[in-house]
Every structure is written in C-alpha cells, then in structure tokens.
C-alpha atoms as a PDB file:
ATOM      1  CA  UNK A   1       1.303 -11.421  10.530  1.00  0.00           C
ATOM      2  CA  UNK A   2      -0.578  -8.471  10.227  1.00  0.00           C
ATOM      3  CA  UNK A   3       0.349  -4.971   9.144  1.00  0.00           C
ATOM      4  CA  UNK A   4       0.390  -3.755  12.480  1.00  0.00           C
ATOM      5  CA  UNK A   5       2.586  -6.552  14.048  1.00  0.00           C
ATOM      6  CA  UNK A   6       5.117  -6.090  10.995  1.00  0.00           C
ATOM      7  CA  UNK A   7       5.188  -2.306  11.409  1.00  0.00           C
ATOM      8  CA  UNK A   8       6.243  -3.101  15.228  1.00  0.00           C
ATOM      9  CA  UNK A   9       8.608  -5.620  14.045  1.00  0.00           C
ATOM     10  CA  UNK A  10      10.181  -3.115  11.670  1.00  0.00           C
ATOM     11  CA  UNK A  11      10.117  -0.395  14.338  1.00  0.00           C
ATOM     12  CA  UNK A  12      12.192  -2.451  16.479  1.00  0.00           C
ATOM     13  CA  UNK A  13      14.917  -3.034  13.956  1.00  0.00           C
ATOM     14  CA  UNK A  14      14.583  -6.668  14.216  1.00  0.00           C
ATOM     15  CA  UNK A  15      15.558  -8.731  11.098  1.00  0.00           C
ATOM     16  CA  UNK A  16      13.322  -9.232   8.477  1.00  0.00           C
ATOM     17  CA  UNK A  17      14.142 -12.806   7.884  1.00  0.00           C
ATOM     18  CA  UNK A  18      11.294 -15.213   8.963  1.00  0.00           C
ATOM     19  CA  UNK A  19       9.159 -17.149   6.979  1.00  0.00           C
ATOM     20  CA  UNK A  20       5.811 -15.571   8.489  1.00  0.00           C
ATOM     21  CA  UNK A  21       7.600 -12.228   7.371  1.00  0.00           C
ATOM     22  CA  UNK A  22       8.209 -13.196   3.777  1.00  0.00           C
ATOM     23  CA  UNK A  23       4.774 -14.509   3.215  1.00  0.00           C
ATOM     24  CA  UNK A  24       3.535 -11.022   4.703  1.00  0.00           C
ATOM     25  CA  UNK A  25       5.800  -9.281   2.395  1.00  0.00           C
ATOM     26  CA  UNK A  26       4.833 -11.261  -0.491  1.00  0.00           C
ATOM     27  CA  UNK A  27       1.011 -10.307   0.430  1.00  0.00           C
ATOM     28  CA  UNK A  28       1.524  -6.890   0.806  1.00  0.00           C
ATOM     29  CA  UNK A  29       3.641  -6.811  -2.514  1.00  0.00           C
ATOM     30  CA  UNK A  30       0.784  -8.212  -4.297  1.00  0.00           C
ATOM     31  CA  UNK A  31      -1.833  -5.990  -2.895  1.00  0.00           C
ATOM     32  CA  UNK A  32      -0.184  -2.903  -3.879  1.00  0.00           C
ATOM     33  CA  UNK A  33       0.899  -4.116  -7.279  1.00  0.00           C
ATOM     34  CA  UNK A  34      -3.243  -4.791  -7.522  1.00  0.00           C
ATOM     35  CA  UNK A  35      -4.017  -1.404  -6.466  1.00  0.00           C
ATOM     36  CA  UNK A  36      -1.405   0.423  -8.533  1.00  0.00           C
ATOM     37  CA  UNK A  37      -2.686  -1.404 -11.796  1.00  0.00           C
ATOM     38  CA  UNK A  38      -6.189  -0.427 -10.917  1.00  0.00           C
ATOM     39  CA  UNK A  39      -4.939   3.102 -10.664  1.00  0.00           C
ATOM     40  CA  UNK A  40      -3.180   3.169 -13.790  1.00  0.00           C
ATOM     41  CA  UNK A  41      -5.544   1.085 -15.714  1.00  0.00           C
ATOM     42  CA  UNK A  42      -8.479   3.317 -16.143  1.00  0.00           C
ATOM     43  CA  UNK A  43      -9.798   6.893 -15.391  1.00  0.00           C
ATOM     44  CA  UNK A  44     -10.805   7.602 -11.672  1.00  0.00           C
ATOM     45  CA  UNK A  45     -12.174  10.745 -10.272  1.00  0.00           C
ATOM     46  CA  UNK A  46      -9.917  12.241  -7.547  1.00  0.00           C
ATOM     47  CA  UNK A  47     -12.141  11.012  -4.878  1.00  0.00           C
ATOM     48  CA  UNK A  48     -11.522   7.532  -6.408  1.00  0.00           C
ATOM     49  CA  UNK A  49      -7.961   8.068  -6.560  1.00  0.00           C
ATOM     50  CA  UNK A  50      -7.917   9.268  -2.706  1.00  0.00           C
ATOM     51  CA  UNK A  51      -9.778   6.073  -1.971  1.00  0.00           C
ATOM     52  CA  UNK A  52      -7.057   3.795  -4.135  1.00  0.00           C
ATOM     53  CA  UNK A  53      -4.227   5.713  -2.369  1.00  0.00           C
ATOM     54  CA  UNK A  54      -5.972   5.021   1.159  1.00  0.00           C
ATOM     55  CA  UNK A  55      -6.033   1.244   0.332  1.00  0.00           C
ATOM     56  CA  UNK A  56      -2.075   1.458  -0.574  1.00  0.00           C
ATOM     57  CA  UNK A  57      -1.021   3.675   2.245  1.00  0.00           C
ATOM     58  CA  UNK A  58      -3.475   1.613   4.602  1.00  0.00           C
ATOM     59  CA  UNK A  59      -4.815   4.907   6.127  1.00  0.00           C
ATOM     60  CA  UNK A  60      -7.020   7.672   5.163  1.00  0.00           C
ATOM     61  CA  UNK A  61      -5.674  10.408   2.877  1.00  0.00           C
ATOM     62  CA  UNK A  62      -6.289  14.184   3.603  1.00  0.00           C
ATOM     63  CA  UNK A  63      -9.027  15.492   1.028  1.00  0.00           C
ATOM     64  CA  UNK A  64      -6.609  18.074  -0.295  1.00  0.00           C
ATOM     65  CA  UNK A  65      -4.422  14.722  -1.528  1.00  0.00           C
ATOM     66  CA  UNK A  66      -3.680  15.297  -5.348  1.00  0.00           C
ATOM     67  CA  UNK A  67      -1.769  12.840  -7.875  1.00  0.00           C
ATOM     68  CA  UNK A  68      -2.215  12.749 -11.644  1.00  0.00           C
ATOM     69  CA  UNK A  69      -2.015   9.171 -12.740  1.00  0.00           C
ATOM     70  CA  UNK A  70       0.197   7.186 -14.031  1.00  0.00           C
ATOM     71  CA  UNK A  71       1.651   6.579 -11.070  1.00  0.00           C
ATOM     72  CA  UNK A  72       5.097   5.318 -10.880  1.00  0.00           C
ATOM     73  CA  UNK A  73       7.069   3.755  -7.691  1.00  0.00           C
END
C-alpha cells in the first residue's frame, strides 16, 4: 500500500485493520521518526528545515513556514 491508497481508505472511514495497512503504518512511522531524529539531531538552515518538513508531510511547505527545533509531536 502507498500513501494515496491509504489516505483514500481512511477518507472512506474504512477500518484500518489489515496486514497491508499495518505494514504501511509501520513503514510510515519509521520514516517519520527518521525525519524527526534528523531534524532534532543537528543544526539545519531554515530551507533545510522546510525540506525536512516537506518530507514529513509528504508535500511542499510554504516558503513562509517556520519552526524552531527541537520539534516534538
């Protein structure tokens, strides 16, 4: 399963209870943790921070976006 299929499945309010969905959520969680650790583990310029958040969100962020790490969820 890929992100778009997962989002469509969730949008339709279908149960998130299949092995395929569990695997997708595990992969997505791992990637989100990797990005968060990278964000919090070293200095990054604001453009780099925006790039990391774009990876985390899965879509571009506005150039005016600002966040000052460390970032906690």
